[in-house]
C-alpha cells in the first residue's frame, strides 16, 4: 500500500507538480504554482518525487522488507506535523484537501509503524 501511496505522489511530483497538484492541477493541493516563483520549488518537488519513487521501488526488490516498512513508517510519521501545518494554512494550500488527506495518511502511518516495529 505504501508503494502505491508514495509512488502515486512521486510520479506526478517528478513530472510536474503544478500540472498535477497546483491551483489548476488534476488533484489540487496548493493555491500557488511552485514553478512560477523560481526553479528552487520545482527542484525540490522533483527531488521529492524521485525519492518517493525510489523508496516505493524498494518493494519491487524486497516485498516483505521490514526495513522498508520502518523507513516508510518513520518518514510518514515525520510528515505528520507538516500535514497539520498545511491543513491550517489556507493562504498557500487548499486546507480542506489537506484535512481530507488526514483520513488516509494517519491510519496508514499507524498501521505501517505497527507492522514495522511489532515484536514477534
PDB file of N, CA and C in Angstrom:
ATOM      1  N   UNK A   1       0.829  -1.195   0.000  1.00  0.00           N
ATOM      2  CA  UNK A   1       0.000   0.000   0.000  1.00  0.00           C
ATOM      3  C   UNK A   1       0.873   1.257   0.000  1.00  0.00           C
ATOM      4  N   UNK A   2       1.935   1.244   0.810  1.00  0.00           N
ATOM      5  CA  UNK A   2       2.819   2.414   0.855  1.00  0.00           C
ATOM      6  C   UNK A   2       3.469   2.690  -0.494  1.00  0.00           C
ATOM      7  N   UNK A   3       3.830   1.623  -1.215  1.00  0.00           N
ATOM      8  CA  UNK A   3       4.454   1.811  -2.520  1.00  0.00           C
ATOM      9  C   UNK A   3       3.499   2.531  -3.479  1.00  0.00           C
ATOM     10  N   UNK A   4       2.232   2.175  -3.436  1.00  0.00           N
ATOM     11  CA  UNK A   4       1.238   2.847  -4.281  1.00  0.00           C
ATOM     12  C   UNK A   4       0.973   4.270  -3.804  1.00  0.00           C
ATOM     13  N   UNK A   5       0.872   4.441  -2.496  1.00  0.00           N
ATOM     14  CA  UNK A   5       0.604   5.752  -1.907  1.00  0.00           C
ATOM     15  C   UNK A   5       1.723   6.730  -2.258  1.00  0.00           C
ATOM     16  N   UNK A   6       2.962   6.365  -1.954  1.00  0.00           N
ATOM     17  CA  UNK A   6       4.078   7.267  -2.207  1.00  0.00           C
ATOM     18  C   UNK A   6       4.466   7.314  -3.683  1.00  0.00           C
ATOM     19  N   UNK A   7       4.420   6.178  -4.355  1.00  0.00           N
ATOM     20  CA  UNK A   7       4.691   6.172  -5.786  1.00  0.00           C
ATOM     21  C   UNK A   7       3.658   6.987  -6.553  1.00  0.00           C
ATOM     22  N   UNK A   8       2.408   6.924  -6.085  1.00  0.00           N
ATOM     23  CA  UNK A   8       1.330   7.690  -6.709  1.00  0.00           C
ATOM     24  C   UNK A   8       1.502   9.188  -6.580  1.00  0.00           C
ATOM     25  N   UNK A   9       2.191   9.631  -5.557  1.00  0.00           N
ATOM     26  CA  UNK A   9       2.532  11.050  -5.425  1.00  0.00           C
ATOM     27  C   UNK A   9       3.868  11.341  -6.092  1.00  0.00           C
ATOM     28  N   UNK A  10       4.776  10.380  -6.027  1.00  0.00           N
ATOM     29  CA  UNK A  10       6.119  10.594  -6.545  1.00  0.00           C
ATOM     30  C   UNK A  10       6.167  10.868  -8.034  1.00  0.00           C
ATOM     31  N   UNK A  11       5.456  10.080  -8.816  1.00  0.00           N
ATOM     32  CA  UNK A  11       5.499  10.251 -10.274  1.00  0.00           C
ATOM     33  C   UNK A  11       4.996  11.639 -10.680  1.00  0.00           C
ATOM     34  N   UNK A  12       3.834  12.096 -10.216  1.00  0.00           N
ATOM     35  CA  UNK A  12       3.397  13.441 -10.601  1.00  0.00           C
ATOM     36  C   UNK A  12       4.332  14.547 -10.092  1.00  0.00           C
ATOM     37  N   UNK A  13       4.911  14.366  -8.903  1.00  0.00           N
ATOM     38  CA  UNK A  13       5.867  15.370  -8.417  1.00  0.00           C
ATOM     39  C   UNK A  13       7.090  15.431  -9.311  1.00  0.00           C
ATOM     40  N   UNK A  14       7.519  14.298  -9.779  1.00  0.00           N
ATOM     41  CA  UNK A  14       8.674  14.228 -10.662  1.00  0.00           C
ATOM     42  C   UNK A  14       8.360  14.861 -12.024  1.00  0.00           C
ATOM     43  N   UNK A  15       7.185  14.605 -12.540  1.00  0.00           N
ATOM     44  CA  UNK A  15       6.805  15.106 -13.862  1.00  0.00           C
ATOM     45  C   UNK A  15       6.563  16.614 -13.827  1.00  0.00           C
ATOM     46  N   UNK A  16       5.633  17.056 -12.982  1.00  0.00           N
ATOM     47  CA  UNK A  16       5.320  18.487 -12.918  1.00  0.00           C
ATOM     48  C   UNK A  16       4.315  18.740 -11.794  1.00  0.00           C
ATOM     49  N   UNK A  17       4.790  19.232 -10.672  1.00  0.00           N
ATOM     50  CA  UNK A  17       3.922  19.498  -9.515  1.00  0.00           C
ATOM     51  C   UNK A  17       2.711  20.331  -9.896  1.00  0.00           C
ATOM     52  N   UNK A  18       2.953  21.437 -10.575  1.00  0.00           N
ATOM     53  CA  UNK A  18       1.866  22.377 -10.839  1.00  0.00           C
ATOM     54  C   UNK A  18       0.763  21.771 -11.704  1.00  0.00           C
ATOM     55  N   UNK A  19       1.143  20.957 -12.663  1.00  0.00           N
ATOM     56  CA  UNK A  19       0.160  20.327 -13.555  1.00  0.00           C
ATOM     57  C   UNK A  19      -0.747  19.357 -12.778  1.00  0.00           C
ATOM     58  N   UNK A  20      -0.186  18.693 -11.776  1.00  0.00           N
ATOM     59  CA  UNK A  20      -0.948  17.702 -11.031  1.00  0.00           C
ATOM     60  C   UNK A  20      -1.515  18.232  -9.718  1.00  0.00           C
ATOM     61  N   UNK A  21      -0.729  19.001  -8.963  1.00  0.00           N
ATOM     62  CA  UNK A  21      -1.134  19.415  -7.614  1.00  0.00           C
ATOM     63  C   UNK A  21      -1.261  20.926  -7.439  1.00  0.00           C
ATOM     64  N   UNK A  22      -0.959  21.712  -8.465  1.00  0.00           N
ATOM     65  CA  UNK A  22      -1.050  23.172  -8.389  1.00  0.00           C
ATOM     66  C   UNK A  22      -2.499  23.648  -8.367  1.00  0.00           C
ATOM     67  N   UNK A  23      -2.697  24.963  -8.381  1.00  0.00           N
ATOM     68  CA  UNK A  23      -4.054  25.527  -8.280  1.00  0.00           C
ATOM     69  C   UNK A  23      -5.030  25.010  -9.331  1.00  0.00           C
ATOM     70  N   UNK A  24      -4.543  24.771 -10.527  1.00  0.00           N
ATOM     71  CA  UNK A  24      -5.387  24.264 -11.607  1.00  0.00           C
ATOM     72  C   UNK A  24      -5.080  22.803 -11.917  1.00  0.00           C
ATOM     73  N   UNK A  25      -4.414  22.129 -10.995  1.00  0.00           N
ATOM     74  CA  UNK A  25      -3.984  20.755 -11.204  1.00  0.00           C
ATOM     75  C   UNK A  25      -5.127  19.759 -11.149  1.00  0.00           C
ATOM     76  N   UNK A  26      -4.811  18.560 -11.545  1.00  0.00           N
ATOM     77  CA  UNK A  26      -5.781  17.467 -11.563  1.00  0.00           C
ATOM     78  C   UNK A  26      -6.305  17.194 -10.154  1.00  0.00           C
ATOM     79  N   UNK A  27      -5.398  17.136  -9.184  1.00  0.00           N
ATOM     80  CA  UNK A  27      -5.753  16.995  -7.760  1.00  0.00           C
ATOM     81  C   UNK A  27      -5.056  18.142  -7.048  1.00  0.00           C
ATOM     82  N   UNK A  28      -5.734  19.234  -6.879  1.00  0.00           N
ATOM     83  CA  UNK A  28      -5.110  20.468  -6.403  1.00  0.00           C
ATOM     84  C   UNK A  28      -4.934  20.504  -4.884  1.00  0.00           C
ATOM     85  N   UNK A  29      -3.674  20.675  -4.464  1.00  0.00           N
ATOM     86  CA  UNK A  29      -3.342  20.806  -3.042  1.00  0.00           C
ATOM     87  C   UNK A  29      -2.848  22.205  -2.697  1.00  0.00           C
ATOM     88  N   UNK A  30      -2.405  22.970  -3.699  1.00  0.00           N
ATOM     89  CA  UNK A  30      -1.809  24.280  -3.441  1.00  0.00           C
ATOM     90  C   UNK A  30      -2.583  25.383  -4.144  1.00  0.00           C
ATOM     91  N   UNK A  31      -2.496  26.569  -3.576  1.00  0.00           N
ATOM     92  CA  UNK A  31      -3.140  27.735  -4.169  1.00  0.00           C
ATOM     93  C   UNK A  31      -2.202  28.533  -5.048  1.00  0.00           C
ATOM     94  N   UNK A  32      -0.925  28.141  -5.033  1.00  0.00           N
ATOM     95  CA  UNK A  32       0.078  28.829  -5.836  1.00  0.00           C
ATOM     96  C   UNK A  32       0.876  27.791  -6.609  1.00  0.00           C
ATOM     97  N   UNK A  33       1.293  28.161  -7.811  1.00  0.00           N
ATOM     98  CA  UNK A  33       2.190  27.309  -8.576  1.00  0.00           C
ATOM     99  C   UNK A  33       3.593  27.419  -8.001  1.00  0.00           C
ATOM    100  N   UNK A  34       4.272  26.315  -7.824  1.00  0.00           N
ATOM    101  CA  UNK A  34       5.626  26.380  -7.285  1.00  0.00           C
ATOM    102  C   UNK A  34       6.653  26.718  -8.361  1.00  0.00           C
ATOM    103  N   UNK A  35       6.342  26.439  -9.607  1.00  0.00           N
ATOM    104  CA  UNK A  35       7.270  26.716 -10.696  1.00  0.00           C
ATOM    105  C   UNK A  35       7.307  28.172 -11.103  1.00  0.00           C
ATOM    106  N   UNK A  36       6.310  28.970 -10.714  1.00  0.00           N
ATOM    107  CA  UNK A  36       6.248  30.381 -11.098  1.00  0.00           C
ATOM    108  C   UNK A  36       7.246  31.238 -10.324  1.00  0.00           C
ATOM    109  N   UNK A  37       7.488  30.871  -9.078  1.00  0.00           N
ATOM    110  CA  UNK A  37       8.333  31.694  -8.211  1.00  0.00           C
ATOM    111  C   UNK A  37       9.810  31.557  -8.545  1.00  0.00           C
ATOM    112  N   UNK A  38      10.274  30.348  -8.679  1.00  0.00           N
ATOM    113  CA  UNK A  38      11.682  30.107  -9.005  1.00  0.00           C
ATOM    114  C   UNK A  38      11.875  28.635  -9.352  1.00  0.00           C
ATOM    115  N   UNK A  39      13.031  28.324  -9.819  1.00  0.00           N
ATOM    116  CA  UNK A  39      13.352  26.945 -10.139  1.00  0.00           C
ATOM    117  C   UNK A  39      13.559  26.114  -8.873  1.00  0.00           C
ATOM    118  N   UNK A  40      13.724  26.760  -7.740  1.00  0.00           N
ATOM    119  CA  UNK A  40      14.012  26.050  -6.489  1.00  0.00           C
ATOM    120  C   UNK A  40      12.829  25.171  -6.078  1.00  0.00           C
ATOM    121  N   UNK A  41      11.624  25.698  -6.120  1.00  0.00           N
ATOM    122  CA  UNK A  41      10.439  24.916  -5.765  1.00  0.00           C
ATOM    123  C   UNK A  41      10.266  23.715  -6.677  1.00  0.00           C
ATOM    124  N   UNK A  42      10.517  23.921  -7.958  1.00  0.00           N
ATOM    125  CA  UNK A  42      10.407  22.829  -8.925  1.00  0.00           C
ATOM    126  C   UNK A  42      11.471  21.765  -8.657  1.00  0.00           C
ATOM    127  N   UNK A  43      12.691  22.211  -8.323  1.00  0.00           N
ATOM    128  CA  UNK A  43      13.747  21.264  -7.982  1.00  0.00           C
ATOM    129  C   UNK A  43      13.342  20.409  -6.789  1.00  0.00           C
ATOM    130  N   UNK A  44      12.877  21.033  -5.710  1.00  0.00           N
ATOM    131  CA  UNK A  44      12.522  20.267  -4.520  1.00  0.00           C
ATOM    132  C   UNK A  44      11.322  19.354  -4.760  1.00  0.00           C
ATOM    133  N   UNK A  45      10.403  19.774  -5.591  1.00  0.00           N
ATOM    134  CA  UNK A  45       9.282  18.909  -5.944  1.00  0.00           C
ATOM    135  C   UNK A  45       9.774  17.678  -6.685  1.00  0.00           C
ATOM    136  N   UNK A  46      10.636  17.886  -7.663  1.00  0.00           N
ATOM    137  CA  UNK A  46      11.145  16.751  -8.440  1.00  0.00           C
ATOM    138  C   UNK A  46      12.044  15.862  -7.596  1.00  0.00           C
ATOM    139  N   UNK A  47      12.845  16.462  -6.742  1.00  0.00           N
ATOM    140  CA  UNK A  47      13.699  15.676  -5.845  1.00  0.00           C
ATOM    141  C   UNK A  47      12.838  14.803  -4.935  1.00  0.00           C
ATOM    142  N   UNK A  48      11.787  15.376  -4.372  1.00  0.00           N
ATOM    143  CA  UNK A  48      10.874  14.609  -3.527  1.00  0.00           C
ATOM    144  C   UNK A  48      10.227  13.490  -4.326  1.00  0.00           C
ATOM    145  N   UNK A  49       9.831  13.787  -5.556  1.00  0.00           N
ATOM    146  CA  UNK A  49       9.239  12.762  -6.419  1.00  0.00           C
ATOM    147  C   UNK A  49      10.192  11.618  -6.687  1.00  0.00           C
ATOM    148  N   UNK A  50      11.456  11.944  -6.952  1.00  0.00           N
ATOM    149  CA  UNK A  50      12.463  10.899  -7.188  1.00  0.00           C
ATOM    150  C   UNK A  50      12.610  10.033  -5.945  1.00  0.00           C
ATOM    151  N   UNK A  51      12.690  10.659  -4.777  1.00  0.00           N
ATOM    152  CA  UNK A  51      12.877   9.901  -3.540  1.00  0.00           C
ATOM    153  C   UNK A  51      11.654   9.035  -3.232  1.00  0.00           C
ATOM    154  N   UNK A  52      10.447   9.552  -3.442  1.00  0.00           N
ATOM    155  CA  UNK A  52       9.237   8.750  -3.241  1.00  0.00           C
ATOM    156  C   UNK A  52       9.241   7.539  -4.168  1.00  0.00           C
ATOM    157  N   UNK A  53       9.610   7.756  -5.434  1.00  0.00           N
ATOM    158  CA  UNK A  53       9.632   6.652  -6.403  1.00  0.00           C
ATOM    159  C   UNK A  53      10.705   5.626  -6.041  1.00  0.00           C
ATOM    160  N   UNK A  54      11.868   6.103  -5.633  1.00  0.00           N
ATOM    161  CA  UNK A  54      12.948   5.189  -5.270  1.00  0.00           C
ATOM    162  C   UNK A  54      12.571   4.343  -4.059  1.00  0.00           C
ATOM    163  N   UNK A  55      12.001   4.974  -3.057  1.00  0.00           N
ATOM    164  CA  UNK A  55      11.580   4.240  -1.868  1.00  0.00           C
ATOM    165  C   UNK A  55      10.486   3.232  -2.222  1.00  0.00           C
ATOM    166  N   UNK A  56       9.542   3.652  -3.031  1.00  0.00           N
ATOM    167  CA  UNK A  56       8.462   2.756  -3.450  1.00  0.00           C
ATOM    168  C   UNK A  56       8.985   1.582  -4.259  1.00  0.00           C
ATOM    169  N   UNK A  57       9.980   1.821  -5.076  1.00  0.00           N
ATOM    170  CA  UNK A  57      10.556   0.749  -5.894  1.00  0.00           C
ATOM    171  C   UNK A  57      11.203  -0.329  -5.040  1.00  0.00           C
ATOM    172  N   UNK A  58      11.578   0.016  -3.820  1.00  0.00           N
ATOM    173  CA  UNK A  58      12.165  -0.965  -2.916  1.00  0.00           C
ATOM    174  C   UNK A  58      11.274  -2.167  -2.698  1.00  0.00           C
ATOM    175  N   UNK A  59       9.970  -1.964  -2.743  1.00  0.00           N
ATOM    176  CA  UNK A  59       9.041  -3.079  -2.562  1.00  0.00           C
ATOM    177  C   UNK A  59       9.051  -4.041  -3.750  1.00  0.00           C
ATOM    178  N   UNK A  60       9.495  -3.579  -4.911  1.00  0.00           N
ATOM    179  CA  UNK A  60       9.637  -4.482  -6.053  1.00  0.00           C
ATOM    180  C   UNK A  60      10.827  -5.421  -5.843  1.00  0.00           C
ATOM    181  N   UNK A  61      11.803  -4.939  -5.095  1.00  0.00           N
ATOM    182  CA  UNK A  61      13.018  -5.715  -4.846  1.00  0.00           C
ATOM    183  C   UNK A  61      12.831  -6.668  -3.669  1.00  0.00           C
ATOM    184  N   UNK A  62      12.197  -6.156  -2.606  1.00  0.00           N
ATOM    185  CA  UNK A  62      12.040  -6.965  -1.390  1.00  0.00           C
ATOM    186  C   UNK A  62      10.684  -6.660  -0.756  1.00  0.00           C
ATOM    187  N   UNK A  63       9.658  -7.329  -1.259  1.00  0.00           N
ATOM    188  CA  UNK A  63       8.269  -7.074  -0.873  1.00  0.00           C
ATOM    189  C   UNK A  63       8.016  -7.188   0.628  1.00  0.00           C
ATOM    190  N   UNK A  64       8.715  -8.072   1.312  1.00  0.00           N
ATOM    191  CA  UNK A  64       8.473  -8.321   2.737  1.00  0.00           C
ATOM    192  C   UNK A  64       9.481  -7.625   3.662  1.00  0.00           C
ATOM    193  N   UNK A  65      10.195  -6.654   3.153  1.00  0.00           N
ATOM    194  CA  UNK A  65      11.246  -5.993   3.923  1.00  0.00           C
ATOM    195  C   UNK A  65      10.697  -5.237   5.131  1.00  0.00           C
ATOM    196  N   UNK A  66      11.175  -5.590   6.300  1.00  0.00           N
ATOM    197  CA  UNK A  66      10.788  -4.836   7.496  1.00  0.00           C
ATOM    198  C   UNK A  66      11.536  -3.504   7.543  1.00  0.00           C
ATOM    199  N   UNK A  67      12.734  -3.442   6.941  1.00  0.00           N
ATOM    200  CA  UNK A  67      13.470  -2.176   6.902  1.00  0.00           C
ATOM    201  C   UNK A  67      12.714  -1.139   6.085  1.00  0.00           C
ATOM    202  N   UNK A  68      12.166  -1.540   4.943  1.00  0.00           N
ATOM    203  CA  UNK A  68      11.366  -0.608   4.140  1.00  0.00           C
ATOM    204  C   UNK A  68      10.135  -0.152   4.916  1.00  0.00           C
ATOM    205  N   UNK A  69       9.486  -1.068   5.611  1.00  0.00           N
ATOM    206  CA  UNK A  69       8.318  -0.693   6.413  1.00  0.00           C
ATOM    207  C   UNK A  69       8.713   0.328   7.478  1.00  0.00           C
ATOM    208  N   UNK A  70       9.869   0.136   8.086  1.00  0.00           N
ATOM    209  CA  UNK A  70      10.349   1.094   9.092  1.00  0.00           C
ATOM    210  C   UNK A  70      10.637   2.450   8.457  1.00  0.00           C
ATOM    211  N   UNK A  71      11.255   2.444   7.277  1.00  0.00           N
ATOM    212  CA  UNK A  71      11.539   3.706   6.595  1.00  0.00           C
ATOM    213  C   UNK A  71      10.242   4.429   6.223  1.00  0.00           C
ATOM    214  N   UNK A  72       9.290   3.703   5.645  1.00  0.00           N
ATOM    215  CA  UNK A  72       8.007   4.319   5.310  1.00  0.00           C
ATOM    216  C   UNK A  72       7.312   4.834   6.568  1.00  0.00           C
ATOM    217  N   UNK A  73       7.298   4.024   7.618  1.00  0.00           N
ATOM    218  CA  UNK A  73       6.628   4.421   8.851  1.00  0.00           C
ATOM    219  C   UNK A  73       7.237   5.663   9.466  1.00  0.00           C
ATOM    220  N   UNK A  74       8.552   5.696   9.573  1.00  0.00           N
ATOM    221  CA  UNK A  74       9.219   6.856  10.166  1.00  0.00           C
ATOM    222  C   UNK A  74       9.094   8.094   9.284  1.00  0.00           C
ATOM    223  N   UNK A  75       9.215   7.904   7.969  1.00  0.00           N
ATOM    224  CA  UNK A  75       9.024   9.024   7.052  1.00  0.00           C
ATOM    225  C   UNK A  75       7.611   9.575   7.118  1.00  0.00           C
ATOM    226  N   UNK A  76       6.654   8.678   7.184  1.00  0.00           N
ATOM    227  CA  UNK A  76       5.247   9.094   7.287  1.00  0.00           C
ATOM    228  C   UNK A  76       4.980   9.820   8.605  1.00  0.00           C
ATOM    229  N   UNK A  77       5.566   9.321   9.670  1.00  0.00           N
ATOM    230  CA  UNK A  77       5.413   9.969  10.975  1.00  0.00           C
ATOM    231  C   UNK A  77       6.035  11.361  10.953  1.00  0.00           C
ATOM    232  N   UNK A  78       7.195  11.496  10.322  1.00  0.00           N
ATOM    233  CA  UNK A  78       7.838  12.805  10.214  1.00  0.00           C
ATOM    234  C   UNK A  78       7.039  13.795   9.394  1.00  0.00           C
ATOM    235  N   UNK A  79       6.207  13.297   8.505  1.00  0.00           N
ATOM    236  CA  UNK A  79       5.374  14.161   7.665  1.00  0.00           C
ATOM    237  C   UNK A  79       4.140  14.688   8.399  1.00  0.00           C
ATOM    238  N   UNK A  80       3.744  14.025   9.488  1.00  0.00           N
ATOM    239  CA  UNK A  80       2.504  14.391  10.188  1.00  0.00           C
ATOM    240  C   UNK A  80       2.475  15.872  10.608  1.00  0.00           C
ATOM    241  N   UNK A  81       3.537  16.428  11.218  1.00  0.00           N
ATOM    242  CA  UNK A  81       3.471  17.858  11.566  1.00  0.00           C
ATOM    243  C   UNK A  81       3.285  18.755  10.341  1.00  0.00           C
ATOM    244  N   UNK A  82       3.916  18.411   9.228  1.00  0.00           N
ATOM    245  CA  UNK A  82       3.744  19.199   8.003  1.00  0.00           C
ATOM    246  C   UNK A  82       2.316  19.091   7.482  1.00  0.00           C
ATOM    247  N   UNK A  83       1.750  17.916   7.594  1.00  0.00           N
ATOM    248  CA  UNK A  83       0.367  17.688   7.182  1.00  0.00           C
ATOM    249  C   UNK A  83      -0.574  18.602   7.971  1.00  0.00           C
ATOM    250  N   UNK A  84      -0.362  18.662   9.274  1.00  0.00           N
ATOM    251  CA  UNK A  84      -1.200  19.532  10.100  1.00  0.00           C
ATOM    252  C   UNK A  84      -0.963  21.012   9.797  1.00  0.00           C
ATOM    253  N   UNK A  85       0.291  21.403   9.570  1.00  0.00           N
ATOM    254  CA  UNK A  85       0.577  22.805   9.233  1.00  0.00           C
ATOM    255  C   UNK A  85      -0.106  23.200   7.930  1.00  0.00           C
ATOM    256  N   UNK A  86      -0.011  22.342   6.916  1.00  0.00           N
ATOM    257  CA  UNK A  86      -0.627  22.661   5.633  1.00  0.00           C
ATOM    258  C   UNK A  86      -2.144  22.721   5.730  1.00  0.00           C
ATOM    259  N   UNK A  87      -2.720  21.905   6.590  1.00  0.00           N
ATOM    260  CA  UNK A  87      -4.177  21.890   6.725  1.00  0.00           C
ATOM    261  C   UNK A  87      -4.699  23.132   7.441  1.00  0.00           C
ATOM    262  N   UNK A  88      -3.803  23.904   8.051  1.00  0.00           N
ATOM    263  CA  UNK A  88      -4.205  25.134   8.733  1.00  0.00           C
ATOM    264  C   UNK A  88      -3.766  26.392   7.990  1.00  0.00           C
ATOM    265  N   UNK A  89      -3.092  26.232   6.866  1.00  0.00           N
ATOM    266  CA  UNK A  89      -2.587  27.355   6.074  1.00  0.00           C
ATOM    267  C   UNK A  89      -3.423  27.495   4.807  1.00  0.00           C
ATOM    268  N   UNK A  90      -4.512  28.244   4.922  1.00  0.00           N
ATOM    269  CA  UNK A  90      -5.415  28.396   3.783  1.00  0.00           C
ATOM    270  C   UNK A  90      -4.953  29.496   2.827  1.00  0.00           C
ATOM    271  N   UNK A  91      -3.824  30.131   3.116  1.00  0.00           N
ATOM    272  CA  UNK A  91      -3.271  31.141   2.216  1.00  0.00           C
ATOM    273  C   UNK A  91      -2.501  30.481   1.072  1.00  0.00           C
ATOM    274  N   UNK A  92      -1.717  29.482   1.401  1.00  0.00           N
ATOM    275  CA  UNK A  92      -0.866  28.831   0.418  1.00  0.00           C
ATOM    276  C   UNK A  92      -1.389  27.479  -0.061  1.00  0.00           C
ATOM    277  N   UNK A  93      -2.167  26.833   0.788  1.00  0.00           N
ATOM    278  CA  UNK A  93      -2.632  25.474   0.496  1.00  0.00           C
ATOM    279  C   UNK A  93      -4.150  25.409   0.513  1.00  0.00           C
ATOM    280  N   UNK A  94      -4.680  24.419  -0.130  1.00  0.00           N
ATOM    281  CA  UNK A  94      -6.117  24.158  -0.052  1.00  0.00           C
ATOM    282  C   UNK A  94      -6.334  23.327   1.204  1.00  0.00           C
ATOM    283  N   UNK A  95      -6.589  24.024   2.307  1.00  0.00           N
ATOM    284  CA  UNK A  95      -6.620  23.415   3.637  1.00  0.00           C
ATOM    285  C   UNK A  95      -7.601  22.248   3.717  1.00  0.00           C
ATOM    286  N   UNK A  96      -8.742  22.365   3.078  1.00  0.00           N
ATOM    287  CA  UNK A  96      -9.731  21.291   3.129  1.00  0.00           C
ATOM    288  C   UNK A  96      -9.166  20.006   2.519  1.00  0.00           C
ATOM    289  N   UNK A  97      -8.413  20.136   1.436  1.00  0.00           N
ATOM    290  CA  UNK A  97      -7.820  18.974   0.791  1.00  0.00           C
ATOM    291  C   UNK A  97      -6.813  18.308   1.727  1.00  0.00           C
ATOM    292  N   UNK A  98      -6.026  19.117   2.441  1.00  0.00           N
ATOM    293  CA  UNK A  98      -5.041  18.571   3.375  1.00  0.00           C
ATOM    294  C   UNK A  98      -5.737  17.908   4.565  1.00  0.00           C
ATOM    295  N   UNK A  99      -6.860  18.445   4.986  1.00  0.00           N
ATOM    296  CA  UNK A  99      -7.617  17.816   6.076  1.00  0.00           C
ATOM    297  C   UNK A  99      -8.155  16.459   5.637  1.00  0.00           C
ATOM    298  N   UNK A 100      -8.597  16.363   4.394  1.00  0.00           N
ATOM    299  CA  UNK A 100      -9.066  15.072   3.881  1.00  0.00           C
ATOM    300  C   UNK A 100      -7.904  14.076   3.792  1.00  0.00           C
ATOM    301  N   UNK A 101      -6.704  14.590   3.548  1.00  0.00           N
ATOM    302  CA  UNK A 101      -5.521  13.733   3.472  1.00  0.00           C
ATOM    303  C   UNK A 101      -5.249  13.045   4.807  1.00  0.00           C
ATOM    304  N   UNK A 102      -5.662  13.685   5.909  1.00  0.00           N
ATOM    305  CA  UNK A 102      -5.511  13.071   7.237  1.00  0.00           C
ATOM    306  C   UNK A 102      -6.182  11.699   7.284  1.00  0.00           C
ATOM    307  N   UNK A 103      -7.320  11.573   6.594  1.00  0.00           N
ATOM    308  CA  UNK A 103      -8.095  10.326   6.630  1.00  0.00           C
ATOM    309  C   UNK A 103      -7.332   9.151   6.011  1.00  0.00           C
ATOM    310  N   UNK A 104      -6.417   9.457   5.124  1.00  0.00           N
ATOM    311  CA  UNK A 104      -5.597   8.414   4.507  1.00  0.00           C
ATOM    312  C   UNK A 104      -4.268   8.273   5.255  1.00  0.00           C
ATOM    313  N   UNK A 105      -3.616   9.403   5.450  1.00  0.00           N
ATOM    314  CA  UNK A 105      -2.238   9.385   5.937  1.00  0.00           C
ATOM    315  C   UNK A 105      -2.102   8.891   7.382  1.00  0.00           C
ATOM    316  N   UNK A 106      -2.941   9.357   8.270  1.00  0.00           N
ATOM    317  CA  UNK A 106      -2.784   8.992   9.684  1.00  0.00           C
ATOM    318  C   UNK A 106      -3.011   7.497   9.937  1.00  0.00           C
ATOM    319  N   UNK A 107      -4.093   6.901   9.421  1.00  0.00           N
ATOM    320  CA  UNK A 107      -4.250   5.451   9.627  1.00  0.00           C
ATOM    321  C   UNK A 107      -3.144   4.633   8.949  1.00  0.00           C
ATOM    322  N   UNK A 108      -2.749   5.042   7.740  1.00  0.00           N
ATOM    323  CA  UNK A 108      -1.686   4.316   7.039  1.00  0.00           C
ATOM    324  C   UNK A 108      -0.376   4.393   7.824  1.00  0.00           C
ATOM    325  N   UNK A 109      -0.083   5.557   8.388  1.00  0.00           N
ATOM    326  CA  UNK A 109       1.130   5.717   9.198  1.00  0.00           C
ATOM    327  C   UNK A 109       1.073   4.801  10.414  1.00  0.00           C
ATOM    328  N   UNK A 110      -0.047   4.806  11.112  1.00  0.00           N
ATOM    329  CA  UNK A 110      -0.182   3.965  12.312  1.00  0.00           C
ATOM    330  C   UNK A 110      -0.037   2.484  11.964  1.00  0.00           C
ATOM    331  N   UNK A 111      -0.713   2.040  10.919  1.00  0.00           N
ATOM    332  CA  UNK A 111      -0.633   0.631  10.522  1.00  0.00           C
ATOM    333  C   UNK A 111       0.785   0.243  10.092  1.00  0.00           C
ATOM    334  N   UNK A 112       1.442   1.139   9.371  1.00  0.00           N
ATOM    335  CA  UNK A 112       2.816   0.861   8.921  1.00  0.00           C
ATOM    336  C   UNK A 112       3.758   0.753  10.116  1.00  0.00           C
ATOM    337  N   UNK A 113       3.634   1.679  11.062  1.00  0.00           N
ATOM    338  CA  UNK A 113       4.502   1.637  12.241  1.00  0.00           C
ATOM    339  C   UNK A 113       4.245   0.375  13.083  1.00  0.00           C
ATOM    340  N   UNK A 114       2.982   0.011  13.212  1.00  0.00           N
ATOM    341  CA  UNK A 114       2.663  -1.210  13.975  1.00  0.00           C
ATOM    342  C   UNK A 114       3.272  -2.440  13.305  1.00  0.00           C
ATOM    343  N   UNK A 115       3.144  -2.522  11.986  1.00  0.00           N
ATOM    344  CA  UNK A 115       3.708  -3.655  11.256  1.00  0.00           C
ATOM    345  C   UNK A 115       5.239  -3.653  11.335  1.00  0.00           C
ATOM    346  N   UNK A 116       5.825  -2.481  11.177  1.00  0.00           N
ATOM    347  CA  UNK A 116       7.289  -2.395  11.111  1.00  0.00           C
ATOM    348  C   UNK A 116       7.972  -2.704  12.433  1.00  0.00           C
ATOM    349  N   UNK A 117       7.350  -2.303  13.532  1.00  0.00           N
ATOM    350  CA  UNK A 117       8.017  -2.429  14.819  1.00  0.00           C
ATOM    351  C   UNK A 117       7.373  -3.442  15.757  1.00  0.00           C
ATOM    352  N   UNK A 118       6.534  -4.322  15.194  1.00  0.00           N
ATOM    353  CA  UNK A 118       5.890  -5.329  16.033  1.00  0.00           C
ATOM    354  C   UNK A 118       6.944  -6.325  16.564  1.00  0.00           C
ATOM    355  N   UNK A 119       6.729  -6.771  17.741  1.00  0.00           N
ATOM    356  CA  UNK A 119       7.596  -7.803  18.336  1.00  0.00           C
ATOM    357  C   UNK A 119       7.033  -9.157  17.992  1.00  0.00           C
ATOM    358  N   UNK A 120       7.868 -10.022  17.519  1.00  0.00           N
ATOM    359  CA  UNK A 120       7.378 -11.358  17.138  1.00  0.00           C
ATOM    360  C   UNK A 120       7.622 -12.362  18.223  1.00  0.00           C
TER     361      UNK A 120
END
